Every structure is written in C-alpha cells, then in structure tokens.
Amino acid sequence: MDNFTPQEKTEIQEEADKLIAEEMMLRELRKAYYLTQSEIAKNLVLEENNISKVEKQTDFLLSTLANYIERLGGKLKLVAEFPEKQTIIIQSLTDLNND
C-alpha cells in the first residue's frame, strides 16, 4: 500500500469497505485487506499452512472466526434474528478467548 497515492489508497479503502459490507468468504475478506495467509497466521494460534483450511471451512469455532476478523482489524458480532421478534446482538464474543 506504500506505493499508492493518497487518492488511490482512499479508493482502495472505499472498495474494501464496499466488499466487506457484502457477504463474502474469509479468503475474499482477507484479500480485500491485502493481507497474506502468513500475516493472518501471526496472530492466530494456527500454523500458516492451516489458514487455507480455515478459509475453506464452513464449520469452525467462533473464537477462531473472531480471531481471524480481529486480525483484519475488525470485530465479530453475532446477530440472532427471529421471525416477528427483535434482532439480538450476542455480546459475549469478547470473552471467547478467555474460555
């Protein structure tokens, strides 16, 4: 990103934000932030060669997903939607790493 002009950086960030707002797979999300699997692995309790597996999984621990999203600079929020009822944001995700 250091080689881009401020205008290009702004455009890249706007596009990344747009993509992030849409549904996307973890691999696409990582690439939108111009991060490598190695960079993600540094903050996770996984080896670099396991990042690809995580990105392809459809069923994994919420703590793994929360850590992955945090490495991207975000925060995972779990939302429960019920028919004809209020949407609830589950607040306990911050404690996932402490269990």
PDB file of N, CA and C in Angstrom:
ATOM      1  N   MET A   1       0.821  -1.199   0.000  1.00  0.00           N
ATOM      2  CA  MET A   1       0.000   0.000   0.000  1.00  0.00           C
ATOM      3  C   MET A   1       0.866   1.265   0.000  1.00  0.00           C
ATOM      4  N   ASP A   2       2.132   1.140   0.386  1.00  0.00           N
ATOM      5  CA  ASP A   2       3.005   2.306   0.462  1.00  0.00           C
ATOM      6  C   ASP A   2       3.234   2.960  -0.897  1.00  0.00           C
ATOM      7  N   ASN A   3       3.093   2.195  -1.970  1.00  0.00           N
ATOM      8  CA  ASN A   3       3.372   2.719  -3.310  1.00  0.00           C
ATOM      9  C   ASN A   3       2.176   3.442  -3.929  1.00  0.00           C
ATOM     10  N   PHE A   4       1.030   3.435  -3.266  1.00  0.00           N
ATOM     11  CA  PHE A   4      -0.163   4.075  -3.804  1.00  0.00           C
ATOM     12  C   PHE A   4      -0.250   5.536  -3.369  1.00  0.00           C
ATOM     13  N   THR A   5      -0.859   6.345  -4.208  1.00  0.00           N
ATOM     14  CA  THR A   5      -1.096   7.748  -3.856  1.00  0.00           C
ATOM     15  C   THR A   5      -2.204   7.808  -2.816  1.00  0.00           C
ATOM     16  N   PRO A   6      -2.320   8.925  -2.104  1.00  0.00           N
ATOM     17  CA  PRO A   6      -3.415   9.046  -1.131  1.00  0.00           C
ATOM     18  C   PRO A   6      -4.790   8.827  -1.774  1.00  0.00           C
ATOM     19  N   GLN A   7      -4.987   9.336  -2.978  1.00  0.00           N
ATOM     20  CA  GLN A   7      -6.253   9.137  -3.683  1.00  0.00           C
ATOM     21  C   GLN A   7      -6.497   7.666  -3.960  1.00  0.00           C
ATOM     22  N   GLU A   8      -5.469   6.948  -4.415  1.00  0.00           N
ATOM     23  CA  GLU A   8      -5.597   5.513  -4.689  1.00  0.00           C
ATOM     24  C   GLU A   8      -5.883   4.741  -3.407  1.00  0.00           C
ATOM     25  N   LYS A   9      -5.217   5.117  -2.326  1.00  0.00           N
ATOM     26  CA  LYS A   9      -5.458   4.459  -1.042  1.00  0.00           C
ATOM     27  C   LYS A   9      -6.906   4.647  -0.601  1.00  0.00           C
ATOM     28  N   THR A  10      -7.424   5.859  -0.791  1.00  0.00           N
ATOM     29  CA  THR A  10      -8.813   6.140  -0.439  1.00  0.00           C
ATOM     30  C   THR A  10      -9.756   5.290  -1.274  1.00  0.00           C
ATOM     31  N   GLU A  11      -9.492   5.208  -2.578  1.00  0.00           N
ATOM     32  CA  GLU A  11     -10.329   4.408  -3.464  1.00  0.00           C
ATOM     33  C   GLU A  11     -10.267   2.929  -3.097  1.00  0.00           C
ATOM     34  N   ILE A  12      -9.078   2.447  -2.768  1.00  0.00           N
ATOM     35  CA  ILE A  12      -8.912   1.046  -2.369  1.00  0.00           C
ATOM     36  C   ILE A  12      -9.688   0.780  -1.084  1.00  0.00           C
ATOM     37  N   GLN A  13      -9.582   1.678  -0.110  1.00  0.00           N
ATOM     38  CA  GLN A  13     -10.285   1.501   1.157  1.00  0.00           C
ATOM     39  C   GLN A  13     -11.788   1.529   0.956  1.00  0.00           C
ATOM     40  N   GLU A  14     -12.264   2.438   0.096  1.00  0.00           N
ATOM     41  CA  GLU A  14     -13.696   2.508  -0.178  1.00  0.00           C
ATOM     42  C   GLU A  14     -14.195   1.214  -0.821  1.00  0.00           C
ATOM     43  N   GLU A  15     -13.410   0.668  -1.747  1.00  0.00           N
ATOM     44  CA  GLU A  15     -13.790  -0.592  -2.393  1.00  0.00           C
ATOM     45  C   GLU A  15     -13.764  -1.734  -1.379  1.00  0.00           C
ATOM     46  N   ALA A  16     -12.752  -1.751  -0.518  1.00  0.00           N
ATOM     47  CA  ALA A  16     -12.675  -2.785   0.520  1.00  0.00           C
ATOM     48  C   ALA A  16     -13.882  -2.694   1.446  1.00  0.00           C
ATOM     49  N   ASP A  17     -14.242  -1.480   1.839  1.00  0.00           N
ATOM     50  CA  ASP A  17     -15.407  -1.297   2.707  1.00  0.00           C
ATOM     51  C   ASP A  17     -16.683  -1.774   2.024  1.00  0.00           C
ATOM     52  N   LYS A  18     -16.788  -1.498   0.732  1.00  0.00           N
ATOM     53  CA  LYS A  18     -17.958  -1.937  -0.022  1.00  0.00           C
ATOM     54  C   LYS A  18     -18.034  -3.458  -0.060  1.00  0.00           C
ATOM     55  N   LEU A  19     -16.909  -4.108  -0.333  1.00  0.00           N
ATOM     56  CA  LEU A  19     -16.874  -5.570  -0.378  1.00  0.00           C
ATOM     57  C   LEU A  19     -17.172  -6.179   0.986  1.00  0.00           C
ATOM     58  N   ILE A  20     -16.647  -5.562   2.004  1.00  0.00           N
ATOM     59  CA  ILE A  20     -16.836  -6.075   3.357  1.00  0.00           C
ATOM     60  C   ILE A  20     -18.302  -6.000   3.757  1.00  0.00           C
ATOM     61  N   ALA A  21     -18.983  -4.970   3.277  1.00  0.00           N
ATOM     62  CA  ALA A  21     -20.401  -4.816   3.605  1.00  0.00           C
ATOM     63  C   ALA A  21     -21.245  -5.914   2.979  1.00  0.00           C
ATOM     64  N   GLU A  22     -20.733  -6.538   1.928  1.00  0.00           N
ATOM     65  CA  GLU A  22     -21.439  -7.623   1.268  1.00  0.00           C
ATOM     66  C   GLU A  22     -21.032  -8.942   1.924  1.00  0.00           C
ATOM     67  N   GLU A  23     -21.793  -9.974   1.646  1.00  0.00           N
ATOM     68  CA  GLU A  23     -21.411 -11.290   2.134  1.00  0.00           C
ATOM     69  C   GLU A  23     -20.197 -11.759   1.353  1.00  0.00           C
ATOM     70  N   MET A  24     -19.218 -12.260   2.035  1.00  0.00           N
ATOM     71  CA  MET A  24     -18.039 -12.779   1.359  1.00  0.00           C
ATOM     72  C   MET A  24     -17.380 -13.869   2.181  1.00  0.00           C
ATOM     73  N   MET A  25     -16.590 -14.648   1.508  1.00  0.00           N
ATOM     74  CA  MET A  25     -15.858 -15.716   2.171  1.00  0.00           C
ATOM     75  C   MET A  25     -14.640 -15.120   2.873  1.00  0.00           C
ATOM     76  N   LEU A  26     -14.094 -15.830   3.849  1.00  0.00           N
ATOM     77  CA  LEU A  26     -12.945 -15.329   4.594  1.00  0.00           C
ATOM     78  C   LEU A  26     -11.762 -15.020   3.679  1.00  0.00           C
ATOM     79  N   ARG A  27     -11.535 -15.873   2.707  1.00  0.00           N
ATOM     80  CA  ARG A  27     -10.413 -15.657   1.778  1.00  0.00           C
ATOM     81  C   ARG A  27     -10.580 -14.336   1.042  1.00  0.00           C
ATOM     82  N   GLU A  28     -11.789 -14.060   0.571  1.00  0.00           N
ATOM     83  CA  GLU A  28     -12.060 -12.812  -0.138  1.00  0.00           C
ATOM     84  C   GLU A  28     -11.908 -11.613   0.796  1.00  0.00           C
ATOM     85  N   LEU A  29     -12.338 -11.780   2.027  1.00  0.00           N
ATOM     86  CA  LEU A  29     -12.218 -10.720   3.015  1.00  0.00           C
ATOM     87  C   LEU A  29     -10.745 -10.402   3.286  1.00  0.00           C
ATOM     88  N   ARG A  30      -9.939 -11.441   3.461  1.00  0.00           N
ATOM     89  CA  ARG A  30      -8.500 -11.247   3.692  1.00  0.00           C
ATOM     90  C   ARG A  30      -7.864 -10.516   2.515  1.00  0.00           C
ATOM     91  N   LYS A  31      -8.205 -10.936   1.307  1.00  0.00           N
ATOM     92  CA  LYS A  31      -7.627 -10.313   0.118  1.00  0.00           C
ATOM     93  C   LYS A  31      -8.085  -8.868  -0.046  1.00  0.00           C
ATOM     94  N   ALA A  32      -9.300  -8.562   0.378  1.00  0.00           N
ATOM     95  CA  ALA A  32      -9.795  -7.182   0.298  1.00  0.00           C
ATOM     96  C   ALA A  32      -8.949  -6.249   1.158  1.00  0.00           C
ATOM     97  N   TYR A  33      -8.354  -6.800   2.205  1.00  0.00           N
ATOM     98  CA  TYR A  33      -7.477  -6.025   3.080  1.00  0.00           C
ATOM     99  C   TYR A  33      -6.002  -6.187   2.713  1.00  0.00           C
ATOM    100  N   TYR A  34      -5.738  -6.842   1.587  1.00  0.00           N
ATOM    101  CA  TYR A  34      -4.372  -7.028   1.087  1.00  0.00           C
ATOM    102  C   TYR A  34      -3.472  -7.697   2.129  1.00  0.00           C
ATOM    103  N   LEU A  35      -4.009  -8.703   2.792  1.00  0.00           N
ATOM    104  CA  LEU A  35      -3.238  -9.465   3.772  1.00  0.00           C
ATOM    105  C   LEU A  35      -2.967 -10.859   3.232  1.00  0.00           C
ATOM    106  N   THR A  36      -1.829 -11.395   3.598  1.00  0.00           N
ATOM    107  CA  THR A  36      -1.466 -12.754   3.208  1.00  0.00           C
ATOM    108  C   THR A  36      -1.895 -13.736   4.285  1.00  0.00           C
ATOM    109  N   GLN A  37      -1.882 -15.007   3.933  1.00  0.00           N
ATOM    110  CA  GLN A  37      -2.182 -16.039   4.925  1.00  0.00           C
ATOM    111  C   GLN A  37      -1.150 -15.998   6.047  1.00  0.00           C
ATOM    112  N   SER A  38       0.077 -15.701   5.713  1.00  0.00           N
ATOM    113  CA  SER A  38       1.143 -15.613   6.707  1.00  0.00           C
ATOM    114  C   SER A  38       0.856 -14.509   7.724  1.00  0.00           C
ATOM    115  N   GLU A  39       0.385 -13.373   7.233  1.00  0.00           N
ATOM    116  CA  GLU A  39       0.083 -12.261   8.131  1.00  0.00           C
ATOM    117  C   GLU A  39      -1.079 -12.605   9.059  1.00  0.00           C
ATOM    118  N   ILE A  40      -2.066 -13.314   8.552  1.00  0.00           N
ATOM    119  CA  ILE A  40      -3.187 -13.745   9.387  1.00  0.00           C
ATOM    120  C   ILE A  40      -2.700 -14.746  10.432  1.00  0.00           C
ATOM    121  N   ALA A  41      -1.862 -15.668  10.019  1.00  0.00           N
ATOM    122  CA  ALA A  41      -1.383 -16.732  10.907  1.00  0.00           C
ATOM    123  C   ALA A  41      -0.599 -16.190  12.101  1.00  0.00           C
ATOM    124  N   LYS A  42       0.059 -15.048  11.935  1.00  0.00           N
ATOM    125  CA  LYS A  42       0.880 -14.485  13.010  1.00  0.00           C
ATOM    126  C   LYS A  42       0.083 -14.254  14.294  1.00  0.00           C
ATOM    127  N   ASN A  43      -1.187 -13.860  14.174  1.00  0.00           N
ATOM    128  CA  ASN A  43      -1.987 -13.558  15.363  1.00  0.00           C
ATOM    129  C   ASN A  43      -2.947 -14.668  15.753  1.00  0.00           C
ATOM    130  N   LEU A  44      -2.971 -15.721  14.978  1.00  0.00           N
ATOM    131  CA  LEU A  44      -3.845 -16.837  15.305  1.00  0.00           C
ATOM    132  C   LEU A  44      -3.016 -17.963  15.906  1.00  0.00           C
ATOM    133  N   VAL A  45      -3.659 -18.849  16.576  1.00  0.00           N
ATOM    134  CA  VAL A  45      -2.972 -19.993  17.151  1.00  0.00           C
ATOM    135  C   VAL A  45      -2.918 -21.129  16.126  1.00  0.00           C
ATOM    136  N   LEU A  46      -2.741 -20.760  14.877  1.00  0.00           N
ATOM    137  CA  LEU A  46      -2.676 -21.725  13.783  1.00  0.00           C
ATOM    138  C   LEU A  46      -1.381 -21.526  12.999  1.00  0.00           C
ATOM    139  N   GLU A  47      -0.910 -22.601  12.422  1.00  0.00           N
ATOM    140  CA  GLU A  47       0.234 -22.511  11.523  1.00  0.00           C
ATOM    141  C   GLU A  47      -0.241 -21.916  10.211  1.00  0.00           C
ATOM    142  N   GLU A  48       0.670 -21.292   9.478  1.00  0.00           N
ATOM    143  CA  GLU A  48       0.319 -20.655   8.213  1.00  0.00           C
ATOM    144  C   GLU A  48      -0.372 -21.621   7.249  1.00  0.00           C
ATOM    145  N   ASN A  49       0.097 -22.864   7.197  1.00  0.00           N
ATOM    146  CA  ASN A  49      -0.498 -23.821   6.257  1.00  0.00           C
ATOM    147  C   ASN A  49      -1.928 -24.204   6.622  1.00  0.00           C
ATOM    148  N   ASN A  50      -2.376 -23.861   7.812  1.00  0.00           N
ATOM    149  CA  ASN A  50      -3.757 -24.154   8.217  1.00  0.00           C
ATOM    150  C   ASN A  50      -4.732 -23.027   7.893  1.00  0.00           C
ATOM    151  N   ILE A  51      -4.225 -21.852   7.524  1.00  0.00           N
ATOM    152  CA  ILE A  51      -5.102 -20.721   7.217  1.00  0.00           C
ATOM    153  C   ILE A  51      -5.997 -21.059   6.024  1.00  0.00           C
ATOM    154  N   SER A  52      -5.432 -21.706   5.016  1.00  0.00           N
ATOM    155  CA  SER A  52      -6.223 -22.103   3.849  1.00  0.00           C
ATOM    156  C   SER A  52      -7.371 -23.011   4.262  1.00  0.00           C
ATOM    157  N   LYS A  53      -7.104 -23.925   5.178  1.00  0.00           N
ATOM    158  CA  LYS A  53      -8.157 -24.820   5.669  1.00  0.00           C
ATOM    159  C   LYS A  53      -9.254 -24.040   6.379  1.00  0.00           C
ATOM    160  N   VAL A  54      -8.854 -23.082   7.203  1.00  0.00           N
ATOM    161  CA  VAL A  54      -9.828 -22.260   7.923  1.00  0.00           C
ATOM    162  C   VAL A  54     -10.687 -21.494   6.929  1.00  0.00           C
ATOM    163  N   GLU A  55     -10.060 -20.937   5.903  1.00  0.00           N
ATOM    164  CA  GLU A  55     -10.794 -20.144   4.929  1.00  0.00           C
ATOM    165  C   GLU A  55     -11.796 -20.974   4.130  1.00  0.00           C
ATOM    166  N   LYS A  56     -11.567 -22.263   4.028  1.00  0.00           N
ATOM    167  CA  LYS A  56     -12.463 -23.138   3.269  1.00  0.00           C
ATOM    168  C   LYS A  56     -13.522 -23.799   4.141  1.00  0.00           C
ATOM    169  N   GLN A  57     -13.324 -23.768   5.447  1.00  0.00           N
ATOM    170  CA  GLN A  57     -14.257 -24.426   6.359  1.00  0.00           C
ATOM    171  C   GLN A  57     -15.607 -23.733   6.387  1.00  0.00           C
ATOM    172  N   THR A  58     -16.629 -24.514   6.624  1.00  0.00           N
ATOM    173  CA  THR A  58     -17.956 -23.952   6.833  1.00  0.00           C
ATOM    174  C   THR A  58     -18.397 -24.111   8.285  1.00  0.00           C
ATOM    175  N   ASP A  59     -17.628 -24.856   9.071  1.00  0.00           N
ATOM    176  CA  ASP A  59     -17.977 -25.100  10.462  1.00  0.00           C
ATOM    177  C   ASP A  59     -16.698 -25.051  11.291  1.00  0.00           C
ATOM    178  N   PHE A  60     -16.558 -24.016  12.123  1.00  0.00           N
ATOM    179  CA  PHE A  60     -15.388 -23.908  12.980  1.00  0.00           C
ATOM    180  C   PHE A  60     -15.749 -23.132  14.231  1.00  0.00           C
ATOM    181  N   LEU A  61     -14.825 -23.051  15.155  1.00  0.00           N
ATOM    182  CA  LEU A  61     -15.073 -22.369  16.418  1.00  0.00           C
ATOM    183  C   LEU A  61     -15.288 -20.872  16.215  1.00  0.00           C
ATOM    184  N   LEU A  62     -16.221 -20.303  16.946  1.00  0.00           N
ATOM    185  CA  LEU A  62     -16.432 -18.861  16.871  1.00  0.00           C
ATOM    186  C   LEU A  62     -15.187 -18.094  17.301  1.00  0.00           C
ATOM    187  N   SER A  63     -14.430 -18.651  18.230  1.00  0.00           N
ATOM    188  CA  SER A  63     -13.203 -17.976  18.669  1.00  0.00           C
ATOM    189  C   SER A  63     -12.200 -17.882  17.526  1.00  0.00           C
ATOM    190  N   THR A  64     -12.139 -18.902  16.676  1.00  0.00           N
ATOM    191  CA  THR A  64     -11.240 -18.858  15.518  1.00  0.00           C
ATOM    192  C   THR A  64     -11.695 -17.771  14.557  1.00  0.00           C
ATOM    193  N   LEU A  65     -12.983 -17.706  14.290  1.00  0.00           N
ATOM    194  CA  LEU A  65     -13.517 -16.681  13.409  1.00  0.00           C
ATOM    195  C   LEU A  65     -13.314 -15.288  14.007  1.00  0.00           C
ATOM    196  N   ALA A  66     -13.553 -15.136  15.291  1.00  0.00           N
ATOM    197  CA  ALA A  66     -13.360 -13.844  15.950  1.00  0.00           C
ATOM    198  C   ALA A  66     -11.908 -13.402  15.859  1.00  0.00           C
ATOM    199  N   ASN A  67     -10.973 -14.327  16.100  1.00  0.00           N
ATOM    200  CA  ASN A  67      -9.553 -14.006  15.993  1.00  0.00           C
ATOM    201  C   ASN A  67      -9.177 -13.615  14.573  1.00  0.00           C
ATOM    202  N   TYR A  68      -9.708 -14.319  13.602  1.00  0.00           N
ATOM    203  CA  TYR A  68      -9.435 -14.042  12.188  1.00  0.00           C
ATOM    204  C   TYR A  68      -9.904 -12.624  11.844  1.00  0.00           C
ATOM    205  N   ILE A  69     -11.128 -12.298  12.221  1.00  0.00           N
ATOM    206  CA  ILE A  69     -11.693 -10.982  11.940  1.00  0.00           C
ATOM    207  C   ILE A  69     -10.911  -9.891  12.669  1.00  0.00           C
ATOM    208  N   GLU A  70     -10.508 -10.149  13.907  1.00  0.00           N
ATOM    209  CA  GLU A  70      -9.712  -9.178  14.660  1.00  0.00           C
ATOM    210  C   GLU A  70      -8.374  -8.921  13.984  1.00  0.00           C
ATOM    211  N   ARG A  71      -7.774  -9.951  13.397  1.00  0.00           N
ATOM    212  CA  ARG A  71      -6.504  -9.781  12.685  1.00  0.00           C
ATOM    213  C   ARG A  71      -6.676  -8.851  11.487  1.00  0.00           C
ATOM    214  N   LEU A  72      -7.885  -8.827  10.925  1.00  0.00           N
ATOM    215  CA  LEU A  72      -8.184  -7.923   9.818  1.00  0.00           C
ATOM    216  C   LEU A  72      -8.488  -6.506  10.316  1.00  0.00           C
ATOM    217  N   GLY A  73      -8.549  -6.353  11.629  1.00  0.00           N
ATOM    218  CA  GLY A  73      -8.832  -5.043  12.203  1.00  0.00           C
ATOM    219  C   GLY A  73     -10.292  -4.830  12.550  1.00  0.00           C
ATOM    220  N   GLY A  74     -11.069  -5.897  12.465  1.00  0.00           N
ATOM    221  CA  GLY A  74     -12.498  -5.788  12.743  1.00  0.00           C
ATOM    222  C   GLY A  74     -12.877  -6.426  14.051  1.00  0.00           C
ATOM    223  N   LYS A  75     -14.165  -6.463  14.273  1.00  0.00           N
ATOM    224  CA  LYS A  75     -14.712  -7.092  15.468  1.00  0.00           C
ATOM    225  C   LYS A  75     -15.910  -7.914  15.034  1.00  0.00           C
ATOM    226  N   LEU A  76     -15.949  -9.160  15.408  1.00  0.00           N
ATOM    227  CA  LEU A  76     -17.039 -10.046  15.042  1.00  0.00           C
ATOM    228  C   LEU A  76     -18.231  -9.805  15.953  1.00  0.00           C
ATOM    229  N   LYS A  77     -19.405  -9.663  15.343  1.00  0.00           N
ATOM    230  CA  LYS A  77     -20.647  -9.550  16.094  1.00  0.00           C
ATOM    231  C   LYS A  77     -21.551 -10.673  15.637  1.00  0.00           C
ATOM    232  N   LEU A  78     -22.132 -11.345  16.581  1.00  0.00           N
ATOM    233  CA  LEU A  78     -23.051 -12.431  16.296  1.00  0.00           C
ATOM    234  C   LEU A  78     -24.468 -11.906  16.478  1.00  0.00           C
ATOM    235  N   VAL A  79     -25.267 -12.026  15.424  1.00  0.00           N
ATOM    236  CA  VAL A  79     -26.624 -11.493  15.431  1.00  0.00           C
ATOM    237  C   VAL A  79     -27.616 -12.638  15.330  1.00  0.00           C
ATOM    238  N   ALA A  80     -28.589 -12.631  16.220  1.00  0.00           N
ATOM    239  CA  ALA A  80     -29.665 -13.622  16.185  1.00  0.00           C
ATOM    240  C   ALA A  80     -30.929 -12.931  15.700  1.00  0.00           C
ATOM    241  N   GLU A  81     -31.482 -13.441  14.604  1.00  0.00           N
ATOM    242  CA  GLU A  81     -32.709 -12.880  14.051  1.00  0.00           C
ATOM    243  C   GLU A  81     -33.839 -13.887  14.236  1.00  0.00           C
ATOM    244  N   PHE A  82     -34.957 -13.396  14.747  1.00  0.00           N
ATOM    245  CA  PHE A  82     -36.108 -14.242  14.983  1.00  0.00           C
ATOM    246  C   PHE A  82     -37.290 -13.692  14.194  1.00  0.00           C
ATOM    247  N   PRO A  83     -38.111 -14.582  13.644  1.00  0.00           N
ATOM    248  CA  PRO A  83     -39.295 -14.097  12.927  1.00  0.00           C
ATOM    249  C   PRO A  83     -40.195 -13.293  13.861  1.00  0.00           C
ATOM    250  N   GLU A  84     -40.594 -12.129  13.403  1.00  0.00           N
ATOM    251  CA  GLU A  84     -41.528 -11.274  14.125  1.00  0.00           C
ATOM    252  C   GLU A  84     -41.054 -10.891  15.532  1.00  0.00           C
ATOM    253  N   LYS A  85     -39.748 -10.931  15.747  1.00  0.00           N
ATOM    254  CA  LYS A  85     -39.200 -10.538  17.046  1.00  0.00           C
ATOM    255  C   LYS A  85     -38.005  -9.610  16.818  1.00  0.00           C
ATOM    256  N   GLN A  86     -37.538  -9.047  17.889  1.00  0.00           N
ATOM    257  CA  GLN A  86     -36.398  -8.139  17.833  1.00  0.00           C
ATOM    258  C   GLN A  86     -35.112  -8.890  17.492  1.00  0.00           C
ATOM    259  N   THR A  87     -34.248  -8.251  16.684  1.00  0.00           N
ATOM    260  CA  THR A  87     -32.928  -8.801  16.405  1.00  0.00           C
ATOM    261  C   THR A  87     -32.055  -8.605  17.638  1.00  0.00           C
ATOM    262  N   ILE A  88     -31.299  -9.631  17.990  1.00  0.00           N
ATOM    263  CA  ILE A  88     -30.460  -9.587  19.187  1.00  0.00           C
ATOM    264  C   ILE A  88     -29.002  -9.740  18.786  1.00  0.00           C
ATOM    265  N   ILE A  89     -28.150  -8.848  19.296  1.00  0.00           N
ATOM    266  CA  ILE A  89     -26.713  -8.966  19.091  1.00  0.00           C
ATOM    267  C   ILE A  89     -26.136  -9.668  20.315  1.00  0.00           C
ATOM    268  N   ILE A  90     -25.509 -10.811  20.090  1.00  0.00           N
ATOM    269  CA  ILE A  90     -24.910 -11.577  21.181  1.00  0.00           C
ATOM    270  C   ILE A  90     -23.630 -10.855  21.609  1.00  0.00           C
ATOM    271  N   GLN A  91     -23.553 -10.482  22.862  1.00  0.00           N
ATOM    272  CA  GLN A  91     -22.446  -9.652  23.359  1.00  0.00           C
ATOM    273  C   GLN A  91     -21.262 -10.452  23.891  1.00  0.00           C
ATOM    274  N   SER A  92     -21.396 -11.730  24.096  1.00  0.00           N
ATOM    275  CA  SER A  92     -20.365 -12.494  24.806  1.00  0.00           C
ATOM    276  C   SER A  92     -19.162 -12.872  23.946  1.00  0.00           C
ATOM    277  N   LEU A  93     -19.089 -12.438  22.686  1.00  0.00           N
ATOM    278  CA  LEU A  93     -17.963 -12.827  21.830  1.00  0.00           C
ATOM    279  C   LEU A  93     -16.630 -12.309  22.345  1.00  0.00           C
ATOM    280  N   THR A  94     -16.633 -11.228  23.098  1.00  0.00           N
ATOM    281  CA  THR A  94     -15.375 -10.693  23.604  1.00  0.00           C
ATOM    282  C   THR A  94     -14.709 -11.634  24.594  1.00  0.00           C
ATOM    283  N   ASP A  95     -15.483 -12.553  25.165  1.00  0.00           N
ATOM    284  CA  ASP A  95     -14.958 -13.483  26.148  1.00  0.00           C
ATOM    285  C   ASP A  95     -14.553 -14.826  25.546  1.00  0.00           C
ATOM    286  N   LEU A  96     -14.636 -14.976  24.236  1.00  0.00           N
ATOM    287  CA  LEU A  96     -14.351 -16.267  23.614  1.00  0.00           C
ATOM    288  C   LEU A  96     -12.936 -16.753  23.889  1.00  0.00           C
ATOM    289  N   ASN A  97     -11.974 -15.865  23.912  1.00  0.00           N
ATOM    290  CA  ASN A  97     -10.587 -16.273  24.101  1.00  0.00           C
ATOM    291  C   ASN A  97     -10.261 -16.589  25.554  1.00  0.00           C
ATOM    292  N   ASN A  98     -11.149 -16.259  26.456  1.00  0.00           N
ATOM    293  CA  ASN A  98     -10.905 -16.481  27.869  1.00  0.00           C
ATOM    294  C   ASN A  98     -11.464 -17.799  28.388  1.00  0.00           C
ATOM    295  N   ASP A  99     -12.191 -18.522  27.525  1.00  0.00           N
ATOM    296  CA  ASP A  99     -12.806 -19.786  27.963  1.00  0.00           C
ATOM    297  C   ASP A  99     -11.818 -20.939  27.884  1.00  0.00           C
TER     298      ASP A  99
END
